[in-house]
Amino acid sequence: MHLSPTNSASMATGRKDSTSKGGGVRFNDNDQPTPGSPTQRDDQSDTSSLIAVLEKDGSYLVKAGFLRSHHCYEVTFTLPDVPALGKEPSCLPTSSPSRKPPNLKVRRINKTLEGGLKVTCEYKTHQEGVLQEEIALGTGARKETRVKVKFQAKVIDPHHGTPVLLDGVKCLGPQRGIHTRRGSDRKKM
């Protein structure tokens, strides 16, 4: 095999000659999310939110993607219209008694123009791994009016990089006191 000087130089730099025909990348012309996409643009507030997906058991699942451990996040998701929730839905206490404060707290619940709900939560990551939290939304103490929402995130160690956040997820920063405790523990060693 014999290469001409221009071809060998082109191969060394990884560039194609101007006469070569290469393929191209074509992007979709519309900015609409693909069906089943985990995010949706809320044109009224100019912010994005995750979409809660209905599960077989009647609960909803929200996947927040990758997050860093020991950080605080604001997560906004949209729940489709659920008539059982009534006109004034709120976050109900969970049925499992826990001594520690919850990592997922509902901050706001707003109605959307389509009839669903836009829920804004604060989530504090506390360890690495695939973590799941649950909240219950409803209008009263009756079980029939409750809707269970499962929140899932893949949490990585803060020293393994910064994940790209999904639309609807906003990092509020590291949890206070976490890094100072770790720093003082290292100094004692």
N, C-alpha and C. Protein backbone atom coordinates (compact mmCIF):
# COMPACT_ATOMS: atom_id res chain seq x y z
N MET A 1 0.85 -1.18 0.00
CA MET A 1 0.00 0.00 0.00
C MET A 1 0.89 1.23 0.00
N HIS A 2 0.63 2.12 -0.92
CA HIS A 2 1.43 3.34 -1.03
C HIS A 2 0.51 4.55 -0.81
N LEU A 3 0.95 5.43 0.09
CA LEU A 3 0.17 6.62 0.39
C LEU A 3 0.83 7.83 -0.21
N SER A 4 0.05 8.70 -0.75
CA SER A 4 0.60 9.96 -1.24
C SER A 4 0.88 10.86 -0.05
N PRO A 5 1.80 11.82 -0.17
CA PRO A 5 2.14 12.69 0.95
C PRO A 5 0.93 13.43 1.53
N THR A 6 0.00 13.84 0.68
CA THR A 6 -1.15 14.56 1.22
C THR A 6 -2.07 13.61 1.99
N ASN A 7 -2.21 12.39 1.55
CA ASN A 7 -3.06 11.43 2.26
C ASN A 7 -2.45 11.04 3.59
N SER A 8 -1.14 10.84 3.65
CA SER A 8 -0.52 10.46 4.92
C SER A 8 -0.59 11.61 5.92
N ALA A 9 -0.45 12.83 5.44
CA ALA A 9 -0.57 13.98 6.34
C ALA A 9 -2.00 14.10 6.85
N SER A 10 -2.93 13.82 5.97
CA SER A 10 -4.32 13.90 6.38
C SER A 10 -4.64 12.83 7.40
N MET A 11 -4.08 11.66 7.21
CA MET A 11 -4.33 10.57 8.16
C MET A 11 -3.70 10.88 9.50
N ALA A 12 -2.52 11.51 9.48
CA ALA A 12 -1.83 11.83 10.72
C ALA A 12 -2.61 12.86 11.54
N THR A 13 -3.26 13.79 10.87
CA THR A 13 -4.01 14.82 11.61
C THR A 13 -5.44 14.40 11.87
N GLY A 14 -5.87 13.31 11.20
CA GLY A 14 -7.24 12.86 11.39
C GLY A 14 -8.24 13.66 10.59
N ARG A 15 -7.78 14.50 9.68
CA ARG A 15 -8.67 15.33 8.89
C ARG A 15 -8.87 14.71 7.52
N LYS A 16 -10.01 14.95 6.95
CA LYS A 16 -10.30 14.47 5.61
C LYS A 16 -9.93 15.54 4.60
N ASP A 17 -9.53 15.08 3.41
CA ASP A 17 -9.27 16.03 2.33
C ASP A 17 -10.56 16.74 1.97
N SER A 18 -10.42 17.89 1.37
CA SER A 18 -11.60 18.66 0.98
C SER A 18 -12.40 17.96 -0.11
N THR A 19 -11.76 17.03 -0.82
CA THR A 19 -12.47 16.32 -1.88
C THR A 19 -13.19 15.09 -1.37
N SER A 20 -12.92 14.68 -0.11
CA SER A 20 -13.59 13.48 0.40
C SER A 20 -15.02 13.81 0.77
N LYS A 21 -15.84 12.80 0.64
CA LYS A 21 -17.25 12.98 0.98
C LYS A 21 -17.49 12.35 2.34
N GLY A 22 -17.97 13.13 3.27
CA GLY A 22 -18.23 12.62 4.61
C GLY A 22 -19.70 12.71 4.94
N GLY A 23 -20.09 11.97 5.93
CA GLY A 23 -21.48 12.03 6.40
C GLY A 23 -21.68 13.25 7.27
N GLY A 24 -22.87 13.52 7.59
CA GLY A 24 -23.19 14.66 8.43
C GLY A 24 -24.13 14.27 9.54
N VAL A 25 -24.24 15.13 10.48
CA VAL A 25 -25.17 14.93 11.58
C VAL A 25 -26.36 15.83 11.35
N ARG A 26 -27.52 15.28 11.45
CA ARG A 26 -28.73 16.06 11.24
C ARG A 26 -29.51 16.11 12.54
N PHE A 27 -29.92 17.30 12.95
CA PHE A 27 -30.68 17.48 14.16
C PHE A 27 -32.14 17.71 13.81
N ASN A 28 -33.01 17.33 14.72
CA ASN A 28 -34.44 17.53 14.54
C ASN A 28 -34.73 19.03 14.47
N ASP A 29 -35.56 19.44 13.53
CA ASP A 29 -35.85 20.86 13.34
C ASP A 29 -36.76 21.45 14.41
N ASN A 30 -37.59 20.64 15.03
CA ASN A 30 -38.49 21.20 16.05
C ASN A 30 -37.90 21.01 17.43
N ASP A 31 -38.30 21.86 18.34
CA ASP A 31 -37.79 21.80 19.71
C ASP A 31 -38.73 21.05 20.64
N GLN A 32 -39.68 20.33 20.10
CA GLN A 32 -40.64 19.59 20.91
C GLN A 32 -39.97 18.36 21.50
N PRO A 33 -40.24 18.04 22.77
CA PRO A 33 -39.67 16.83 23.34
C PRO A 33 -40.27 15.60 22.67
N THR A 34 -39.48 14.55 22.61
CA THR A 34 -39.98 13.33 22.03
C THR A 34 -41.02 12.72 22.95
N PRO A 35 -41.99 11.95 22.42
CA PRO A 35 -42.99 11.32 23.28
C PRO A 35 -42.31 10.43 24.32
N GLY A 36 -42.77 10.51 25.55
CA GLY A 36 -42.18 9.74 26.63
C GLY A 36 -40.94 10.38 27.22
N SER A 37 -40.62 11.59 26.80
CA SER A 37 -39.45 12.29 27.31
C SER A 37 -39.68 12.62 28.79
N PRO A 38 -38.61 12.55 29.64
CA PRO A 38 -38.80 12.79 31.07
C PRO A 38 -38.98 14.25 31.44
N THR A 39 -38.86 15.16 30.48
CA THR A 39 -39.03 16.57 30.81
C THR A 39 -40.07 17.21 29.92
N GLN A 40 -40.61 18.30 30.38
CA GLN A 40 -41.63 19.02 29.62
C GLN A 40 -41.48 20.49 29.90
N ARG A 41 -41.63 21.32 28.89
CA ARG A 41 -41.51 22.76 29.04
C ARG A 41 -42.87 23.34 29.44
N ASP A 42 -42.90 24.11 30.50
CA ASP A 42 -44.11 24.79 30.93
C ASP A 42 -44.01 26.22 30.41
N ASP A 43 -44.68 26.50 29.29
CA ASP A 43 -44.53 27.78 28.62
C ASP A 43 -45.04 28.96 29.44
N GLN A 44 -45.92 28.73 30.38
CA GLN A 44 -46.46 29.83 31.17
C GLN A 44 -45.44 30.42 32.13
N SER A 45 -44.61 29.57 32.74
CA SER A 45 -43.67 30.09 33.73
C SER A 45 -42.24 30.12 33.23
N ASP A 46 -42.01 29.69 31.99
CA ASP A 46 -40.70 29.68 31.38
C ASP A 46 -39.71 28.83 32.17
N THR A 47 -40.18 27.82 32.86
CA THR A 47 -39.31 26.86 33.53
C THR A 47 -39.72 25.46 33.09
N SER A 48 -38.82 24.55 33.24
CA SER A 48 -39.09 23.18 32.87
C SER A 48 -39.38 22.36 34.12
N SER A 49 -39.98 21.23 33.91
CA SER A 49 -40.23 20.34 35.02
C SER A 49 -40.18 18.90 34.55
N LEU A 50 -39.91 18.01 35.48
CA LEU A 50 -39.97 16.59 35.22
C LEU A 50 -41.43 16.17 35.12
N ILE A 51 -41.69 15.03 34.52
CA ILE A 51 -43.06 14.54 34.42
C ILE A 51 -43.20 13.30 35.27
N ALA A 52 -44.21 13.27 36.13
CA ALA A 52 -44.51 12.08 36.92
C ALA A 52 -45.22 11.08 36.01
N VAL A 53 -44.72 9.85 35.98
CA VAL A 53 -45.25 8.81 35.11
C VAL A 53 -46.08 7.83 35.94
N LEU A 54 -47.27 7.51 35.44
CA LEU A 54 -48.17 6.60 36.14
C LEU A 54 -47.61 5.18 36.11
N GLU A 55 -47.53 4.55 37.26
CA GLU A 55 -47.06 3.17 37.40
C GLU A 55 -48.25 2.21 37.41
N LYS A 56 -47.98 0.92 37.26
CA LYS A 56 -49.04 -0.10 37.24
C LYS A 56 -49.82 -0.16 38.55
N ASP A 57 -49.16 0.14 39.67
CA ASP A 57 -49.82 0.06 40.98
C ASP A 57 -50.65 1.30 41.31
N GLY A 58 -50.73 2.26 40.39
CA GLY A 58 -51.54 3.46 40.62
C GLY A 58 -50.76 4.63 41.20
N SER A 59 -49.51 4.40 41.58
CA SER A 59 -48.68 5.50 42.08
C SER A 59 -47.98 6.15 40.89
N TYR A 60 -47.29 7.25 41.15
CA TYR A 60 -46.55 7.97 40.11
C TYR A 60 -45.07 7.90 40.43
N LEU A 61 -44.24 7.90 39.39
CA LEU A 61 -42.79 7.84 39.54
C LEU A 61 -42.16 9.07 38.89
N VAL A 62 -41.27 9.72 39.64
CA VAL A 62 -40.50 10.86 39.15
C VAL A 62 -39.03 10.47 39.21
N LYS A 63 -38.35 10.51 38.06
CA LYS A 63 -36.92 10.20 38.01
C LYS A 63 -36.14 11.50 37.85
N ALA A 64 -35.30 11.81 38.85
CA ALA A 64 -34.57 13.07 38.86
C ALA A 64 -33.17 12.97 38.26
N GLY A 65 -32.76 11.80 37.80
CA GLY A 65 -31.45 11.65 37.17
C GLY A 65 -30.34 11.58 38.19
N PHE A 66 -29.14 12.03 37.77
CA PHE A 66 -27.95 11.98 38.62
C PHE A 66 -27.84 13.25 39.46
N LEU A 67 -27.54 13.05 40.76
CA LEU A 67 -27.35 14.15 41.70
C LEU A 67 -26.09 13.87 42.51
N ARG A 68 -25.54 14.88 43.16
CA ARG A 68 -24.37 14.71 44.02
C ARG A 68 -24.79 14.52 45.47
N SER A 69 -24.09 13.64 46.18
CA SER A 69 -24.44 13.42 47.58
C SER A 69 -24.08 14.65 48.42
N HIS A 70 -24.80 14.79 49.51
CA HIS A 70 -24.61 15.87 50.47
C HIS A 70 -24.83 17.25 49.85
N HIS A 71 -25.78 17.32 48.92
CA HIS A 71 -26.18 18.58 48.29
C HIS A 71 -27.69 18.74 48.42
N CYS A 72 -28.14 19.96 48.25
CA CYS A 72 -29.56 20.27 48.33
C CYS A 72 -30.04 20.69 46.94
N TYR A 73 -31.21 20.18 46.52
CA TYR A 73 -31.75 20.45 45.19
C TYR A 73 -33.19 20.92 45.27
N GLU A 74 -33.57 21.74 44.31
CA GLU A 74 -34.98 22.08 44.11
C GLU A 74 -35.43 21.27 42.89
N VAL A 75 -36.46 20.46 43.08
CA VAL A 75 -36.95 19.60 42.01
C VAL A 75 -38.41 19.96 41.74
N THR A 76 -38.72 20.22 40.47
CA THR A 76 -40.07 20.57 40.07
C THR A 76 -40.57 19.50 39.11
N PHE A 77 -41.75 18.94 39.42
CA PHE A 77 -42.33 17.95 38.53
C PHE A 77 -43.80 18.24 38.30
N THR A 78 -44.32 17.72 37.19
CA THR A 78 -45.71 17.91 36.82
C THR A 78 -46.45 16.59 36.98
N LEU A 79 -47.57 16.65 37.66
CA LEU A 79 -48.45 15.51 37.86
C LEU A 79 -49.69 15.74 37.00
N PRO A 80 -50.09 14.75 36.19
CA PRO A 80 -51.28 14.96 35.36
C PRO A 80 -52.54 15.14 36.20
N ASP A 81 -53.61 15.51 35.57
CA ASP A 81 -54.88 15.74 36.27
C ASP A 81 -55.34 14.47 36.97
N VAL A 82 -55.51 14.55 38.29
CA VAL A 82 -56.01 13.44 39.11
C VAL A 82 -57.24 13.98 39.84
N PRO A 83 -58.46 13.69 39.32
CA PRO A 83 -59.67 14.26 39.92
C PRO A 83 -59.84 13.94 41.41
N ALA A 84 -59.31 12.81 41.87
CA ALA A 84 -59.47 12.43 43.27
C ALA A 84 -58.77 13.38 44.24
N LEU A 85 -57.83 14.17 43.73
CA LEU A 85 -57.10 15.08 44.61
C LEU A 85 -57.92 16.29 45.03
N GLY A 86 -58.97 16.60 44.31
CA GLY A 86 -59.82 17.72 44.68
C GLY A 86 -59.23 19.06 44.29
N LYS A 87 -59.82 20.12 44.86
CA LYS A 87 -59.43 21.49 44.47
C LYS A 87 -58.23 22.02 45.24
N GLU A 88 -58.02 21.58 46.45
CA GLU A 88 -56.93 22.10 47.29
C GLU A 88 -56.01 20.96 47.75
N PRO A 89 -55.23 20.38 46.85
CA PRO A 89 -54.35 19.29 47.27
C PRO A 89 -53.19 19.79 48.13
N SER A 90 -52.71 18.92 49.00
CA SER A 90 -51.58 19.26 49.84
C SER A 90 -50.76 18.00 50.07
N CYS A 91 -49.60 18.16 50.66
CA CYS A 91 -48.75 17.03 50.99
C CYS A 91 -49.23 16.46 52.31
N LEU A 92 -49.47 15.15 52.32
CA LEU A 92 -49.96 14.48 53.52
C LEU A 92 -48.80 13.80 54.24
N PRO A 93 -48.92 13.61 55.55
CA PRO A 93 -47.85 12.90 56.27
C PRO A 93 -47.76 11.46 55.79
N THR A 94 -46.53 10.93 55.77
CA THR A 94 -46.35 9.54 55.36
C THR A 94 -46.81 8.61 56.46
N SER A 95 -47.15 7.39 56.06
CA SER A 95 -47.67 6.43 57.03
C SER A 95 -46.58 5.78 57.87
N SER A 96 -45.32 5.82 57.40
CA SER A 96 -44.24 5.21 58.17
C SER A 96 -43.63 6.23 59.12
N PRO A 97 -43.68 5.95 60.43
CA PRO A 97 -43.10 6.90 61.38
C PRO A 97 -41.57 6.88 61.29
N SER A 98 -40.97 8.05 61.23
CA SER A 98 -39.52 8.16 61.12
C SER A 98 -39.02 9.20 62.11
N ARG A 99 -37.93 8.89 62.77
CA ARG A 99 -37.38 9.83 63.75
C ARG A 99 -36.57 10.93 63.09
N LYS A 100 -35.96 10.64 61.96
CA LYS A 100 -35.15 11.65 61.29
C LYS A 100 -36.01 12.49 60.36
N PRO A 101 -35.61 13.73 60.09
CA PRO A 101 -36.40 14.58 59.18
C PRO A 101 -36.36 14.00 57.76
N PRO A 102 -37.42 14.18 57.00
CA PRO A 102 -37.45 13.64 55.63
C PRO A 102 -36.46 14.36 54.73
N ASN A 103 -35.94 13.63 53.75
CA ASN A 103 -35.00 14.21 52.79
C ASN A 103 -35.72 14.94 51.67
N LEU A 104 -36.99 14.61 51.44
CA LEU A 104 -37.79 15.21 50.37
C LEU A 104 -38.96 15.97 51.01
N LYS A 105 -39.00 17.27 50.79
CA LYS A 105 -40.06 18.11 51.37
C LYS A 105 -40.76 18.87 50.25
N VAL A 106 -42.08 18.85 50.27
CA VAL A 106 -42.86 19.61 49.29
C VAL A 106 -42.90 21.07 49.72
N ARG A 107 -42.52 21.97 48.82
CA ARG A 107 -42.52 23.40 49.11
C ARG A 107 -43.73 24.12 48.53
N ARG A 108 -44.13 23.76 47.29
CA ARG A 108 -45.27 24.41 46.64
C ARG A 108 -46.03 23.41 45.78
N ILE A 109 -47.33 23.60 45.72
CA ILE A 109 -48.18 22.85 44.79
C ILE A 109 -49.05 23.86 44.07
N ASN A 110 -48.93 23.92 42.75
CA ASN A 110 -49.71 24.86 41.93
C ASN A 110 -50.47 24.09 40.86
N LYS A 111 -51.63 24.59 40.51
CA LYS A 111 -52.40 24.00 39.41
C LYS A 111 -51.81 24.47 38.09
N THR A 112 -51.87 23.60 37.07
CA THR A 112 -51.43 23.98 35.73
C THR A 112 -52.65 24.30 34.88
N LEU A 113 -52.43 24.93 33.75
CA LEU A 113 -53.53 25.27 32.85
C LEU A 113 -54.21 24.02 32.29
N GLU A 114 -53.45 22.94 32.16
CA GLU A 114 -54.00 21.70 31.63
C GLU A 114 -54.82 20.93 32.67
N GLY A 115 -54.82 21.37 33.91
CA GLY A 115 -55.59 20.71 34.96
C GLY A 115 -54.77 19.84 35.88
N GLY A 116 -53.50 19.69 35.61
CA GLY A 116 -52.64 18.89 36.48
C GLY A 116 -52.06 19.74 37.60
N LEU A 117 -51.02 19.22 38.22
CA LEU A 117 -50.35 19.92 39.31
C LEU A 117 -48.87 20.08 39.02
N LYS A 118 -48.33 21.20 39.42
CA LYS A 118 -46.89 21.44 39.35
C LYS A 118 -46.40 21.46 40.79
N VAL A 119 -45.55 20.49 41.15
CA VAL A 119 -45.09 20.31 42.52
C VAL A 119 -43.61 20.67 42.59
N THR A 120 -43.26 21.55 43.53
CA THR A 120 -41.87 21.94 43.75
C THR A 120 -41.44 21.40 45.10
N CYS A 121 -40.34 20.64 45.09
CA CYS A 121 -39.84 20.00 46.31
C CYS A 121 -38.40 20.43 46.57
N GLU A 122 -37.99 20.23 47.80
CA GLU A 122 -36.58 20.38 48.17
C GLU A 122 -36.09 18.99 48.54
N TYR A 123 -34.96 18.59 47.94
CA TYR A 123 -34.43 17.25 48.19
C TYR A 123 -32.99 17.36 48.66
N LYS A 124 -32.70 16.74 49.82
CA LYS A 124 -31.36 16.73 50.36
C LYS A 124 -30.79 15.32 50.21
N THR A 125 -29.72 15.22 49.44
CA THR A 125 -29.08 13.92 49.24
C THR A 125 -28.20 13.62 50.43
N HIS A 126 -28.21 12.40 50.90
CA HIS A 126 -27.49 12.07 52.11
C HIS A 126 -26.49 10.92 51.95
N GLN A 127 -26.59 10.16 50.86
CA GLN A 127 -25.66 9.05 50.63
C GLN A 127 -25.64 8.73 49.15
N GLU A 128 -24.68 7.90 48.74
CA GLU A 128 -24.56 7.52 47.34
C GLU A 128 -25.46 6.31 47.06
N GLY A 129 -25.80 6.16 45.77
CA GLY A 129 -26.58 5.00 45.33
C GLY A 129 -27.89 5.44 44.68
N VAL A 130 -28.69 4.44 44.32
CA VAL A 130 -30.02 4.73 43.77
C VAL A 130 -30.95 4.89 44.97
N LEU A 131 -31.44 6.11 45.15
CA LEU A 131 -32.28 6.40 46.32
C LEU A 131 -33.71 6.65 45.89
N GLN A 132 -34.64 6.26 46.75
CA GLN A 132 -36.06 6.48 46.46
C GLN A 132 -36.75 7.01 47.70
N GLU A 133 -37.52 8.05 47.52
CA GLU A 133 -38.32 8.66 48.59
C GLU A 133 -39.78 8.64 48.15
N GLU A 134 -40.70 8.76 49.09
CA GLU A 134 -42.12 8.79 48.77
C GLU A 134 -42.80 9.97 49.43
N ILE A 135 -43.75 10.53 48.71
CA ILE A 135 -44.63 11.54 49.28
C ILE A 135 -46.05 11.15 48.94
N ALA A 136 -46.99 11.64 49.72
CA ALA A 136 -48.41 11.41 49.45
C ALA A 136 -49.10 12.75 49.29
N LEU A 137 -49.86 12.89 48.22
CA LEU A 137 -50.63 14.11 47.99
C LEU A 137 -52.10 13.77 48.12
N GLY A 138 -52.87 14.70 48.64
CA GLY A 138 -54.30 14.48 48.80
C GLY A 138 -54.99 15.67 49.40
N THR A 139 -56.29 15.49 49.69
CA THR A 139 -57.07 16.58 50.27
C THR A 139 -57.59 16.26 51.66
N GLY A 140 -57.45 15.04 52.10
CA GLY A 140 -57.97 14.67 53.41
C GLY A 140 -57.27 13.44 53.94
N ALA A 141 -57.80 12.92 55.04
CA ALA A 141 -57.18 11.77 55.68
C ALA A 141 -57.62 10.45 55.06
N ARG A 142 -58.63 10.47 54.17
CA ARG A 142 -59.10 9.23 53.57
C ARG A 142 -58.08 8.69 52.58
N LYS A 143 -57.87 7.37 52.61
CA LYS A 143 -56.89 6.74 51.72
C LYS A 143 -57.30 6.84 50.26
N GLU A 144 -58.59 6.89 49.96
CA GLU A 144 -59.05 6.92 48.56
C GLU A 144 -58.62 8.21 47.86
N THR A 145 -58.40 9.27 48.61
CA THR A 145 -58.06 10.55 48.00
C THR A 145 -56.55 10.79 47.97
N ARG A 146 -55.76 9.81 48.35
CA ARG A 146 -54.31 9.96 48.34
C ARG A 146 -53.71 9.49 47.03
N VAL A 147 -52.67 10.20 46.61
CA VAL A 147 -51.88 9.78 45.45
C VAL A 147 -50.44 9.67 45.93
N LYS A 148 -49.87 8.50 45.73
CA LYS A 148 -48.49 8.26 46.14
C LYS A 148 -47.56 8.63 44.99
N VAL A 149 -46.52 9.40 45.31
CA VAL A 149 -45.51 9.79 44.32
C VAL A 149 -44.17 9.27 44.81
N LYS A 150 -43.54 8.43 43.99
CA LYS A 150 -42.21 7.91 44.31
C LYS A 150 -41.18 8.77 43.56
N PHE A 151 -40.19 9.22 44.29
CA PHE A 151 -39.13 10.08 43.75
C PHE A 151 -37.85 9.26 43.74
N GLN A 152 -37.19 9.19 42.58
CA GLN A 152 -36.00 8.36 42.45
C GLN A 152 -34.85 9.18 41.88
N ALA A 153 -33.64 8.99 42.44
CA ALA A 153 -32.44 9.68 41.96
C ALA A 153 -31.24 8.76 42.10
N LYS A 154 -30.27 8.93 41.22
CA LYS A 154 -29.00 8.22 41.29
C LYS A 154 -27.99 9.21 41.86
N VAL A 155 -27.55 8.96 43.07
CA VAL A 155 -26.70 9.92 43.78
C VAL A 155 -25.25 9.45 43.75
N ILE A 156 -24.36 10.35 43.31
CA ILE A 156 -22.94 10.04 43.21
C ILE A 156 -22.15 10.82 44.25
N ASP A 157 -20.95 10.35 44.54
CA ASP A 157 -20.05 11.02 45.46
C ASP A 157 -19.64 12.37 44.88
N PRO A 158 -19.55 13.44 45.70
CA PRO A 158 -19.20 14.76 45.17
C PRO A 158 -17.82 14.83 44.52
N HIS A 159 -16.95 13.88 44.82
CA HIS A 159 -15.60 13.88 44.27
C HIS A 159 -15.52 13.20 42.90
N HIS A 160 -16.63 12.71 42.41
CA HIS A 160 -16.65 12.03 41.11
C HIS A 160 -17.24 12.89 40.01
N GLY A 161 -17.16 14.18 40.15
CA GLY A 161 -17.60 15.09 39.10
C GLY A 161 -18.94 15.73 39.39
N THR A 162 -19.35 16.56 38.46
CA THR A 162 -20.61 17.28 38.57
C THR A 162 -21.55 16.76 37.50
N PRO A 163 -22.68 16.17 37.89
CA PRO A 163 -23.61 15.63 36.89
C PRO A 163 -24.36 16.73 36.15
N VAL A 164 -24.74 16.44 34.92
CA VAL A 164 -25.59 17.35 34.16
C VAL A 164 -27.01 17.13 34.67
N LEU A 165 -27.65 18.19 35.12
CA LEU A 165 -28.97 18.08 35.73
C LEU A 165 -30.06 18.11 34.67
N LEU A 166 -31.12 17.36 34.90
CA LEU A 166 -32.28 17.37 34.02
C LEU A 166 -33.04 18.68 34.19
N ASP A 167 -33.85 19.02 33.17
CA ASP A 167 -34.74 20.17 33.30
C ASP A 167 -35.66 19.92 34.49
N GLY A 168 -35.85 20.92 35.31
CA GLY A 168 -36.69 20.78 36.48
C GLY A 168 -35.90 20.49 37.75
N VAL A 169 -34.59 20.30 37.64
CA VAL A 169 -33.72 20.05 38.80
C VAL A 169 -32.71 21.18 38.88
N LYS A 170 -32.64 21.80 40.06
CA LYS A 170 -31.74 22.93 40.26
C LYS A 170 -30.95 22.69 41.55
N CYS A 171 -29.62 22.78 41.46
CA CYS A 171 -28.78 22.59 42.64
C CYS A 171 -28.79 23.87 43.47
N LEU A 172 -29.10 23.74 44.75
CA LEU A 172 -29.10 24.87 45.67
C LEU A 172 -27.77 24.99 46.41
N GLY A 173 -26.89 23.99 46.25
CA GLY A 173 -25.57 24.02 46.87
C GLY A 173 -25.36 22.88 47.84
N PRO A 174 -24.15 22.80 48.40
CA PRO A 174 -23.87 21.74 49.37
C PRO A 174 -24.66 21.97 50.66
N GLN A 175 -24.96 20.86 51.33
CA GLN A 175 -25.67 20.99 52.60
C GLN A 175 -24.73 21.63 53.61
N ARG A 176 -25.27 22.50 54.42
CA ARG A 176 -24.45 23.21 55.41
C ARG A 176 -24.00 22.23 56.48
N GLY A 177 -22.76 22.40 56.89
CA GLY A 177 -22.23 21.59 57.97
C GLY A 177 -21.60 20.29 57.53
N ILE A 178 -21.91 19.81 56.33
CA ILE A 178 -21.38 18.52 55.88
C ILE A 178 -19.87 18.62 55.64
N HIS A 179 -19.44 19.61 54.87
CA HIS A 179 -18.03 19.72 54.52
C HIS A 179 -17.19 20.14 55.72
N THR A 180 -17.73 20.94 56.62
CA THR A 180 -16.95 21.35 57.79
C THR A 180 -16.74 20.16 58.72
N ARG A 181 -17.73 19.28 58.83
CA ARG A 181 -17.56 18.08 59.66
C ARG A 181 -16.49 17.19 59.06
N ARG A 182 -16.53 16.96 57.75
CA ARG A 182 -15.54 16.12 57.10
C ARG A 182 -14.15 16.71 57.25
N GLY A 183 -14.02 18.03 57.10
CA GLY A 183 -12.73 18.68 57.22
C GLY A 183 -12.17 18.53 58.62
N SER A 184 -13.02 18.67 59.64
CA SER A 184 -12.53 18.55 61.01
C SER A 184 -12.18 17.11 61.33
N ASP A 185 -12.87 16.13 60.71
CA ASP A 185 -12.53 14.73 60.92
C ASP A 185 -11.17 14.42 60.33
N ARG A 186 -10.84 15.01 59.18
CA ARG A 186 -9.55 14.75 58.54
C ARG A 186 -8.41 15.35 59.36
N LYS A 187 -8.65 16.50 59.97
CA LYS A 187 -7.60 17.15 60.75
C LYS A 187 -7.26 16.34 62.00
N LYS A 188 -8.24 15.62 62.55
CA LYS A 188 -8.00 14.82 63.77
C LYS A 188 -7.14 13.61 63.48
N MET A 189 -7.15 13.12 62.24
CA MET A 189 -6.40 11.90 61.91
C MET A 189 -4.96 12.11 61.89
